[in-house]
Amino acid sequence: MRVVVSGGGTGGHIYPAISLIKEIKRKHKDAEILYIGTETGLEADIVPREGIPFKTIRISGFKRKISLENIKTVTRFITGTSRAKKLINQFKPDVVIGTGGYVCGPVVYAAAKLKVPTVIHEQNSVPGLTNKFLSKYVDRIAICFEEARPFFPNKKVVFTGNPRASDTLNVDPVSGRSSLGLDKNKKTVLIVGGSRGARPINDAFVSVINEWSEKSYQVIYVTGAVHYDAVMEKVNEAGLGSNVIVKPFIHNMPDVLGAIDLIVARAGATTLAEVTALGLPSILIPSPYVTNNHQEKNAKALKDSGAAIVRKESEMNGQTLLDDIDFVLTNEENWRVMHEATKKLGVPNAADHLYQVLVEVSRKK
């Protein structure tokens, strides 16, 4: 099996692609993969480190207002498509899949024009411009939220879930707890504002800093590297108890997610895939700085199912944060209801579902 994978810009597009590649390799040890990304996106660092063959094209995204930069984008799309056609003709894939980001535009479009079977994977409840454009040309559209279905030609759509969820199947909760020195007998909440952290969440945490040590549960707070020193200055002044752990970043996040009882986080697609696969109750604070406000719409899907509490960043404060965490962790019935609602949304075998879509589409070649 020969597969071209393209996805870039953010981890939300790259990590599902890598999870899918791992699934393909599990099914076909002799499968050949080519990943096409950009030189400037996160994929240029992440993908080669995974030992995946990697090639690049140059592309940029459209501005949502009139701009001369859009003329350059059109030119780059044309040259990027030409470059992608050469790479595809050389590699001769059975199928091409795009997992999101600007780079998928010329790559998947080139494949469609070359009559190579094509699939796009949409992680969010509201698709971006690239996938809306590509939906006219591809053979299948895999989605993770039913809310995304109306944006695409319905006959092409298949619900697969997010392959990243499959990575949670093998989590080691014992390792997760021991890596942070956690008490295995206490309920635990993880508060994280994304890889770079989030100032409003930091401010909320710090504003009630003297109250965390009085709680019966454990708190893991991930500040983000750029905020760590400022937060730790406050922490050291307050003298927090042993039930509070502050970290700049967590590298073994899947293991830690398997070891906790509640997460306070943004509402990115990858996070929600992991959370729902584990049946992990959540308090979601969607980022207001993303395209189409898709995080708020992602979060609403969980809230409407009773799986999450959702707070806008503008309404987040320390007391609200404490009250929401107490509501879930100090009432076993509240936790159970949210856990069961979250579990119903999970697709832990999503990588296999998406792999099966690739196989089906490739047979049409």
Foldseek 3Di string as FASTA:
>chain_A
DEEEEEEWADPLQVVLRVLLVVVVCVVPVPYAYEYEYACPTPCVVPVVVVVHHYDYADADDDDPDDDPVVVVRVVSLVVLLVVLLVVCVVRVGLEYEYRDDGSCQSNQVSCLVVVRAYEYEALFLDRDPRCLVCLVRHQAYEYADPSNCVSHDNVRYDYQHGSLLLVLVPAALVCLCVVQVHDLPFAEEEEAEPQQADVLSLQQCLVPVLCPQVDRHAYEYAHAQVCQVVSVVSCVVNVHDPSYHYHPHDDSVSNNLLNHQEYEYEQRSSVLQNCLSNLHAYEYAHDCPDPPSRRVVSVVVLVVLLQYHYDYSVPDHNVVVVVVVCQQRVDPVSSVSNSVSSPVSHNNVSSVSVVVVRVVSSVVD
